[in-house]
Amino acid sequence: MGILSWIVMGLIVGVLAKFIMPGKDPGGIIITILLGIGGAFVGGFIGSSLGLGPVTGFNIGSIVLATGGAILLLVVYRAIKKK
């Protein structure tokens, strides 16, 4: 995937993660994109470790893995920001 694809997927996955876990979070669109891109990396790493496969592009499996990773990062982000 190219850099533009990662940014677009990061935006989609970040919005999905914030939709699944609504709440008041500091940060705007940039944090959402970074959360989604980071979630894709985390979800791909976890998926590869568990034998589910990596995040390879725009398909349902990759979006689910990336969204799961983004939700995990959102939980960590909220825990850090509360302190």
PDB file of N, CA and C in Angstrom:
ATOM      1  N   MET A   1       0.839  -1.175   0.000  1.00  0.00           N
ATOM      2  CA  MET A   1       0.000   0.000   0.000  1.00  0.00           C
ATOM      3  C   MET A   1       0.886   1.241   0.000  1.00  0.00           C
ATOM      4  N   GLY A   2       0.487   2.238  -0.755  1.00  0.00           N
ATOM      5  CA  GLY A   2       1.214   3.488  -0.796  1.00  0.00           C
ATOM      6  C   GLY A   2       0.848   4.385   0.372  1.00  0.00           C
ATOM      7  N   ILE A   3       1.560   5.475   0.507  1.00  0.00           N
ATOM      8  CA  ILE A   3       1.341   6.385   1.629  1.00  0.00           C
ATOM      9  C   ILE A   3      -0.059   6.991   1.601  1.00  0.00           C
ATOM     10  N   LEU A   4      -0.561   7.308   0.428  1.00  0.00           N
ATOM     11  CA  LEU A   4      -1.907   7.857   0.326  1.00  0.00           C
ATOM     12  C   LEU A   4      -2.951   6.824   0.756  1.00  0.00           C
ATOM     13  N   SER A   5      -2.724   5.570   0.400  1.00  0.00           N
ATOM     14  CA  SER A   5      -3.636   4.498   0.819  1.00  0.00           C
ATOM     15  C   SER A   5      -3.640   4.338   2.328  1.00  0.00           C
ATOM     16  N   TRP A   6      -2.457   4.445   2.962  1.00  0.00           N
ATOM     17  CA  TRP A   6      -2.385   4.339   4.416  1.00  0.00           C
ATOM     18  C   TRP A   6      -3.127   5.497   5.082  1.00  0.00           C
ATOM     19  N   ILE A   7      -3.010   6.697   4.520  1.00  0.00           N
ATOM     20  CA  ILE A   7      -3.697   7.855   5.093  1.00  0.00           C
ATOM     21  C   ILE A   7      -5.214   7.696   4.976  1.00  0.00           C
ATOM     22  N   VAL A   8      -5.684   7.270   3.806  1.00  0.00           N
ATOM     23  CA  VAL A   8      -7.124   7.084   3.602  1.00  0.00           C
ATOM     24  C   VAL A   8      -7.644   5.971   4.507  1.00  0.00           C
ATOM     25  N   MET A   9      -6.921   4.855   4.563  1.00  0.00           N
ATOM     26  CA  MET A   9      -7.351   3.757   5.418  1.00  0.00           C
ATOM     27  C   MET A   9      -7.284   4.181   6.889  1.00  0.00           C
ATOM     28  N   GLY A  10      -6.264   4.956   7.261  1.00  0.00           N
ATOM     29  CA  GLY A  10      -6.165   5.465   8.632  1.00  0.00           C
ATOM     30  C   GLY A  10      -7.344   6.337   9.005  1.00  0.00           C
ATOM     31  N   LEU A  11      -7.775   7.179   8.081  1.00  0.00           N
ATOM     32  CA  LEU A  11      -8.942   8.024   8.334  1.00  0.00           C
ATOM     33  C   LEU A  11     -10.196   7.178   8.524  1.00  0.00           C
ATOM     34  N   ILE A  12     -10.401   6.208   7.630  1.00  0.00           N
ATOM     35  CA  ILE A  12     -11.585   5.340   7.715  1.00  0.00           C
ATOM     36  C   ILE A  12     -11.576   4.538   9.004  1.00  0.00           C
ATOM     37  N   VAL A  13     -10.447   3.923   9.312  1.00  0.00           N
ATOM     38  CA  VAL A  13     -10.346   3.071  10.503  1.00  0.00           C
ATOM     39  C   VAL A  13     -10.429   3.917  11.779  1.00  0.00           C
ATOM     40  N   GLY A  14      -9.812   5.084  11.782  1.00  0.00           N
ATOM     41  CA  GLY A  14      -9.894   5.959  12.951  1.00  0.00           C
ATOM     42  C   GLY A  14     -11.317   6.400  13.230  1.00  0.00           C
ATOM     43  N   VAL A  15     -12.053   6.749  12.179  1.00  0.00           N
ATOM     44  CA  VAL A  15     -13.460   7.139  12.342  1.00  0.00           C
ATOM     45  C   VAL A  15     -14.284   5.955  12.825  1.00  0.00           C
ATOM     46  N   LEU A  16     -14.034   4.767  12.277  1.00  0.00           N
ATOM     47  CA  LEU A  16     -14.755   3.573  12.737  1.00  0.00           C
ATOM     48  C   LEU A  16     -14.488   3.304  14.211  1.00  0.00           C
ATOM     49  N   ALA A  17     -13.227   3.421  14.629  1.00  0.00           N
ATOM     50  CA  ALA A  17     -12.880   3.169  16.033  1.00  0.00           C
ATOM     51  C   ALA A  17     -13.562   4.176  16.950  1.00  0.00           C
ATOM     52  N   LYS A  18     -13.574   5.445  16.555  1.00  0.00           N
ATOM     53  CA  LYS A  18     -14.239   6.453  17.390  1.00  0.00           C
ATOM     54  C   LYS A  18     -15.755   6.292  17.358  1.00  0.00           C
ATOM     55  N   PHE A  19     -16.297   5.751  16.266  1.00  0.00           N
ATOM     56  CA  PHE A  19     -17.735   5.481  16.194  1.00  0.00           C
ATOM     57  C   PHE A  19     -18.097   4.327  17.118  1.00  0.00           C
ATOM     58  N   ILE A  20     -17.255   3.308  17.167  1.00  0.00           N
ATOM     59  CA  ILE A  20     -17.509   2.142  18.023  1.00  0.00           C
ATOM     60  C   ILE A  20     -17.326   2.517  19.493  1.00  0.00           C
ATOM     61  N   MET A  21     -16.336   3.358  19.785  1.00  0.00           N
ATOM     62  CA  MET A  21     -16.061   3.793  21.158  1.00  0.00           C
ATOM     63  C   MET A  21     -16.259   5.300  21.258  1.00  0.00           C
ATOM     64  N   PRO A  22     -17.511   5.773  21.293  1.00  0.00           N
ATOM     65  CA  PRO A  22     -17.719   7.224  21.360  1.00  0.00           C
ATOM     66  C   PRO A  22     -17.255   7.772  22.703  1.00  0.00           C
ATOM     67  N   GLY A  23     -16.970   9.017  22.696  1.00  0.00           N
ATOM     68  CA  GLY A  23     -16.536   9.682  23.914  1.00  0.00           C
ATOM     69  C   GLY A  23     -15.810  10.951  23.557  1.00  0.00           C
ATOM     70  N   LYS A  24     -15.505  11.718  24.575  1.00  0.00           N
ATOM     71  CA  LYS A  24     -14.820  12.975  24.353  1.00  0.00           C
ATOM     72  C   LYS A  24     -13.319  12.723  24.333  1.00  0.00           C
ATOM     73  N   ASP A  25     -12.726  12.885  23.175  1.00  0.00           N
ATOM     74  CA  ASP A  25     -11.295  12.690  23.018  1.00  0.00           C
ATOM     75  C   ASP A  25     -10.655  13.986  22.555  1.00  0.00           C
ATOM     76  N   PRO A  26      -9.510  14.317  23.140  1.00  0.00           N
ATOM     77  CA  PRO A  26      -8.801  15.482  22.627  1.00  0.00           C
ATOM     78  C   PRO A  26      -8.191  15.155  21.265  1.00  0.00           C
ATOM     79  N   GLY A  27      -8.063  16.117  20.438  1.00  0.00           N
ATOM     80  CA  GLY A  27      -7.469  15.894  19.122  1.00  0.00           C
ATOM     81  C   GLY A  27      -8.536  15.935  18.050  1.00  0.00           C
ATOM     82  N   GLY A  28      -8.110  16.256  16.878  1.00  0.00           N
ATOM     83  CA  GLY A  28      -9.045  16.367  15.771  1.00  0.00           C
ATOM     84  C   GLY A  28      -8.787  15.307  14.721  1.00  0.00           C
ATOM     85  N   ILE A  29      -8.867  15.726  13.472  1.00  0.00           N
ATOM     86  CA  ILE A  29      -8.763  14.811  12.347  1.00  0.00           C
ATOM     87  C   ILE A  29      -7.372  14.196  12.249  1.00  0.00           C
ATOM     88  N   ILE A  30      -6.336  14.950  12.608  1.00  0.00           N
ATOM     89  CA  ILE A  30      -4.968  14.429  12.528  1.00  0.00           C
ATOM     90  C   ILE A  30      -4.790  13.280  13.517  1.00  0.00           C
ATOM     91  N   ILE A  31      -5.282  13.446  14.730  1.00  0.00           N
ATOM     92  CA  ILE A  31      -5.186  12.367  15.729  1.00  0.00           C
ATOM     93  C   ILE A  31      -5.981  11.157  15.266  1.00  0.00           C
ATOM     94  N   THR A  32      -7.140  11.390  14.651  1.00  0.00           N
ATOM     95  CA  THR A  32      -7.960  10.287  14.140  1.00  0.00           C
ATOM     96  C   THR A  32      -7.212   9.510  13.064  1.00  0.00           C
ATOM     97  N   ILE A  33      -6.568  10.215  12.147  1.00  0.00           N
ATOM     98  CA  ILE A  33      -5.809   9.543  11.085  1.00  0.00           C
ATOM     99  C   ILE A  33      -4.628   8.779  11.678  1.00  0.00           C
ATOM    100  N   LEU A  34      -3.892   9.412  12.587  1.00  0.00           N
ATOM    101  CA  LEU A  34      -2.750   8.736  13.206  1.00  0.00           C
ATOM    102  C   LEU A  34      -3.188   7.520  14.010  1.00  0.00           C
ATOM    103  N   LEU A  35      -4.316   7.634  14.685  1.00  0.00           N
ATOM    104  CA  LEU A  35      -4.867   6.511  15.429  1.00  0.00           C
ATOM    105  C   LEU A  35      -5.209   5.359  14.495  1.00  0.00           C
ATOM    106  N   GLY A  36      -5.797   5.676  13.356  1.00  0.00           N
ATOM    107  CA  GLY A  36      -6.143   4.640  12.382  1.00  0.00           C
ATOM    108  C   GLY A  36      -4.930   3.991  11.755  1.00  0.00           C
ATOM    109  N   ILE A  37      -3.923   4.782  11.393  1.00  0.00           N
ATOM    110  CA  ILE A  37      -2.702   4.229  10.808  1.00  0.00           C
ATOM    111  C   ILE A  37      -1.975   3.360  11.831  1.00  0.00           C
ATOM    112  N   GLY A  38      -1.857   3.875  13.051  1.00  0.00           N
ATOM    113  CA  GLY A  38      -1.246   3.072  14.121  1.00  0.00           C
ATOM    114  C   GLY A  38      -2.043   1.807  14.396  1.00  0.00           C
ATOM    115  N   GLY A  39      -3.361   1.927  14.348  1.00  0.00           N
ATOM    116  CA  GLY A  39      -4.216   0.750  14.547  1.00  0.00           C
ATOM    117  C   GLY A  39      -4.022  -0.289  13.461  1.00  0.00           C
ATOM    118  N   ALA A  40      -3.770   0.160  12.239  1.00  0.00           N
ATOM    119  CA  ALA A  40      -3.508  -0.783  11.150  1.00  0.00           C
ATOM    120  C   ALA A  40      -2.214  -1.546  11.408  1.00  0.00           C
ATOM    121  N   PHE A  41      -1.194  -0.835  11.885  1.00  0.00           N
ATOM    122  CA  PHE A  41       0.059  -1.511  12.206  1.00  0.00           C
ATOM    123  C   PHE A  41      -0.116  -2.494  13.361  1.00  0.00           C
ATOM    124  N   VAL A  42      -0.766  -2.044  14.430  1.00  0.00           N
ATOM    125  CA  VAL A  42      -0.982  -2.901  15.599  1.00  0.00           C
ATOM    126  C   VAL A  42      -1.864  -4.097  15.236  1.00  0.00           C
ATOM    127  N   GLY A  43      -2.969  -3.830  14.525  1.00  0.00           N
ATOM    128  CA  GLY A  43      -3.866  -4.915  14.122  1.00  0.00           C
ATOM    129  C   GLY A  43      -3.182  -5.902  13.189  1.00  0.00           C
ATOM    130  N   GLY A  44      -2.357  -5.389  12.269  1.00  0.00           N
ATOM    131  CA  GLY A  44      -1.613  -6.264  11.367  1.00  0.00           C
ATOM    132  C   GLY A  44      -0.605  -7.117  12.111  1.00  0.00           C
ATOM    133  N   PHE A  45       0.075  -6.530  13.092  1.00  0.00           N
ATOM    134  CA  PHE A  45       1.045  -7.284  13.885  1.00  0.00           C
ATOM    135  C   PHE A  45       0.362  -8.377  14.697  1.00  0.00           C
ATOM    136  N   ILE A  46      -0.726  -8.008  15.368  1.00  0.00           N
ATOM    137  CA  ILE A  46      -1.462  -8.995  16.175  1.00  0.00           C
ATOM    138  C   ILE A  46      -2.069 -10.074  15.278  1.00  0.00           C
ATOM    139  N   GLY A  47      -2.652  -9.665  14.153  1.00  0.00           N
ATOM    140  CA  GLY A  47      -3.235 -10.633  13.221  1.00  0.00           C
ATOM    141  C   GLY A  47      -2.201 -11.591  12.668  1.00  0.00           C
ATOM    142  N   SER A  48      -1.017 -11.082  12.351  1.00  0.00           N
ATOM    143  CA  SER A  48       0.057 -11.945  11.853  1.00  0.00           C
ATOM    144  C   SER A  48       0.536 -12.896  12.933  1.00  0.00           C
ATOM    145  N   SER A  49       0.630 -12.395  14.157  1.00  0.00           N
ATOM    146  CA  SER A  49       1.076 -13.237  15.271  1.00  0.00           C
ATOM    147  C   SER A  49       0.093 -14.356  15.568  1.00  0.00           C
ATOM    148  N   LEU A  50      -1.190 -14.086  15.391  1.00  0.00           N
ATOM    149  CA  LEU A  50      -2.218 -15.097  15.664  1.00  0.00           C
ATOM    150  C   LEU A  50      -2.523 -15.971  14.451  1.00  0.00           C
ATOM    151  N   GLY A  51      -1.878 -15.690  13.330  1.00  0.00           N
ATOM    152  CA  GLY A  51      -2.104 -16.487  12.127  1.00  0.00           C
ATOM    153  C   GLY A  51      -3.319 -16.061  11.325  1.00  0.00           C
ATOM    154  N   LEU A  52      -3.838 -14.855  11.573  1.00  0.00           N
ATOM    155  CA  LEU A  52      -5.005 -14.369  10.843  1.00  0.00           C
ATOM    156  C   LEU A  52      -4.624 -13.669   9.545  1.00  0.00           C
ATOM    157  N   GLY A  53      -3.379 -13.301   9.415  1.00  0.00           N
ATOM    158  CA  GLY A  53      -2.905 -12.604   8.226  1.00  0.00           C
ATOM    159  C   GLY A  53      -2.689 -11.134   8.512  1.00  0.00           C
ATOM    160  N   PRO A  54      -1.896 -10.468   7.690  1.00  0.00           N
ATOM    161  CA  PRO A  54      -1.590  -9.054   7.906  1.00  0.00           C
ATOM    162  C   PRO A  54      -2.635  -8.136   7.267  1.00  0.00           C
ATOM    163  N   VAL A  55      -2.493  -6.855   7.524  1.00  0.00           N
ATOM    164  CA  VAL A  55      -3.305  -5.840   6.855  1.00  0.00           C
ATOM    165  C   VAL A  55      -2.661  -5.619   5.493  1.00  0.00           C
ATOM    166  N   THR A  56      -3.385  -5.980   4.429  1.00  0.00           N
ATOM    167  CA  THR A  56      -2.786  -5.948   3.098  1.00  0.00           C
ATOM    168  C   THR A  56      -3.400  -4.920   2.170  1.00  0.00           C
ATOM    169  N   GLY A  57      -4.514  -4.365   2.487  1.00  0.00           N
ATOM    170  CA  GLY A  57      -5.145  -3.386   1.607  1.00  0.00           C
ATOM    171  C   GLY A  57      -6.575  -3.146   2.018  1.00  0.00           C
ATOM    172  N   PHE A  58      -7.351  -2.665   1.082  1.00  0.00           N
ATOM    173  CA  PHE A  58      -8.750  -2.364   1.360  1.00  0.00           C
ATOM    174  C   PHE A  58      -9.612  -3.602   1.140  1.00  0.00           C
ATOM    175  N   ASN A  59      -9.691  -4.446   2.160  1.00  0.00           N
ATOM    176  CA  ASN A  59     -10.627  -5.562   2.158  1.00  0.00           C
ATOM    177  C   ASN A  59     -11.209  -5.681   3.566  1.00  0.00           C
ATOM    178  N   ILE A  60     -12.255  -6.452   3.688  1.00  0.00           N
ATOM    179  CA  ILE A  60     -12.973  -6.539   4.972  1.00  0.00           C
ATOM    180  C   ILE A  60     -12.066  -7.033   6.091  1.00  0.00           C
ATOM    181  N   GLY A  61     -11.287  -8.067   5.833  1.00  0.00           N
ATOM    182  CA  GLY A  61     -10.402  -8.611   6.864  1.00  0.00           C
ATOM    183  C   GLY A  61      -9.395  -7.592   7.367  1.00  0.00           C
ATOM    184  N   SER A  62      -8.805  -6.855   6.446  1.00  0.00           N
ATOM    185  CA  SER A  62      -7.823  -5.836   6.826  1.00  0.00           C
ATOM    186  C   SER A  62      -8.472  -4.708   7.610  1.00  0.00           C
ATOM    187  N   ILE A  63      -9.648  -4.301   7.203  1.00  0.00           N
ATOM    188  CA  ILE A  63     -10.338  -3.217   7.909  1.00  0.00           C
ATOM    189  C   ILE A  63     -10.734  -3.656   9.317  1.00  0.00           C
ATOM    190  N   VAL A  64     -11.170  -4.903   9.471  1.00  0.00           N
ATOM    191  CA  VAL A  64     -11.531  -5.416  10.798  1.00  0.00           C
ATOM    192  C   VAL A  64     -10.295  -5.478  11.696  1.00  0.00           C
ATOM    193  N   LEU A  65      -9.178  -6.002  11.169  1.00  0.00           N
ATOM    194  CA  LEU A  65      -7.942  -6.057  11.957  1.00  0.00           C
ATOM    195  C   LEU A  65      -7.461  -4.666  12.332  1.00  0.00           C
ATOM    196  N   ALA A  66      -7.476  -3.752  11.374  1.00  0.00           N
ATOM    197  CA  ALA A  66      -7.012  -2.395  11.633  1.00  0.00           C
ATOM    198  C   ALA A  66      -7.926  -1.682  12.626  1.00  0.00           C
ATOM    199  N   THR A  67      -9.226  -1.890  12.527  1.00  0.00           N
ATOM    200  CA  THR A  67     -10.163  -1.271  13.463  1.00  0.00           C
ATOM    201  C   THR A  67      -9.953  -1.819  14.873  1.00  0.00           C
ATOM    202  N   GLY A  68      -9.730  -3.106  14.982  1.00  0.00           N
ATOM    203  CA  GLY A  68      -9.430  -3.696  16.292  1.00  0.00           C
ATOM    204  C   GLY A  68      -8.174  -3.105  16.903  1.00  0.00           C
ATOM    205  N   GLY A  69      -7.142  -2.931  16.084  1.00  0.00           N
ATOM    206  CA  GLY A  69      -5.915  -2.300  16.560  1.00  0.00           C
ATOM    207  C   GLY A  69      -6.137  -0.853  16.952  1.00  0.00           C
ATOM    208  N   ALA A  70      -6.952  -0.134  16.180  1.00  0.00           N
ATOM    209  CA  ALA A  70      -7.237   1.267  16.490  1.00  0.00           C
ATOM    210  C   ALA A  70      -8.034   1.392  17.781  1.00  0.00           C
ATOM    211  N   ILE A  71      -8.951   0.472  18.016  1.00  0.00           N
ATOM    212  CA  ILE A  71      -9.710   0.486  19.273  1.00  0.00           C
ATOM    213  C   ILE A  71      -8.766   0.243  20.445  1.00  0.00           C
ATOM    214  N   LEU A  72      -7.842  -0.687  20.283  1.00  0.00           N
ATOM    215  CA  LEU A  72      -6.854  -0.954  21.327  1.00  0.00           C
ATOM    216  C   LEU A  72      -6.015   0.305  21.596  1.00  0.00           C
ATOM    217  N   LEU A  73      -5.574   0.978  20.547  1.00  0.00           N
ATOM    218  CA  LEU A  73      -4.813   2.218  20.720  1.00  0.00           C
ATOM    219  C   LEU A  73      -5.657   3.319  21.347  1.00  0.00           C
ATOM    220  N   LEU A  74      -6.936   3.377  21.008  1.00  0.00           N
ATOM    221  CA  LEU A  74      -7.822   4.383  21.582  1.00  0.00           C
ATOM    222  C   LEU A  74      -7.995   4.168  23.081  1.00  0.00           C
ATOM    223  N   VAL A  75      -8.092   2.921  23.506  1.00  0.00           N
ATOM    224  CA  VAL A  75      -8.185   2.611  24.938  1.00  0.00           C
ATOM    225  C   VAL A  75      -6.913   3.072  25.655  1.00  0.00           C
ATOM    226  N   VAL A  76      -5.756   2.771  25.083  1.00  0.00           N
ATOM    227  CA  VAL A  76      -4.481   3.178  25.668  1.00  0.00           C
ATOM    228  C   VAL A  76      -4.361   4.704  25.674  1.00  0.00           C
ATOM    229  N   TYR A  77      -4.750   5.352  24.581  1.00  0.00           N
ATOM    230  CA  TYR A  77      -4.695   6.811  24.456  1.00  0.00           C
ATOM    231  C   TYR A  77      -5.554   7.470  25.517  1.00  0.00           C
ATOM    232  N   ARG A  78      -6.744   6.969  25.722  1.00  0.00           N
ATOM    233  CA  ARG A  78      -7.648   7.543  26.739  1.00  0.00           C
ATOM    234  C   ARG A  78      -7.079   7.333  28.144  1.00  0.00           C
ATOM    235  N   ALA A  79      -6.476   6.156  28.388  1.00  0.00           N
ATOM    236  CA  ALA A  79      -5.900   5.893  29.712  1.00  0.00           C
ATOM    237  C   ALA A  79      -4.738   6.825  29.992  1.00  0.00           C
ATOM    238  N   ILE A  80      -3.919   7.115  28.986  1.00  0.00           N
ATOM    239  CA  ILE A  80      -2.785   8.015  29.165  1.00  0.00           C
ATOM    240  C   ILE A  80      -3.259   9.452  29.363  1.00  0.00           C
ATOM    241  N   LYS A  81      -4.264   9.873  28.594  1.00  0.00           N
ATOM    242  CA  LYS A  81      -4.754  11.239  28.671  1.00  0.00           C
ATOM    243  C   LYS A  81      -5.500  11.527  29.970  1.00  0.00           C
ATOM    244  N   LYS A  82      -6.043  10.500  30.628  1.00  0.00           N
ATOM    245  CA  LYS A  82      -6.755  10.699  31.904  1.00  0.00           C
ATOM    246  C   LYS A  82      -5.803  11.078  33.032  1.00  0.00           C
ATOM    247  N   LYS A  83      -4.581  10.598  32.959  1.00  0.00           N
ATOM    248  CA  LYS A  83      -3.624  10.825  34.056  1.00  0.00           C
ATOM    249  C   LYS A  83      -3.169  12.224  34.119  1.00  0.00           C
TER     250      LYS A  83
END
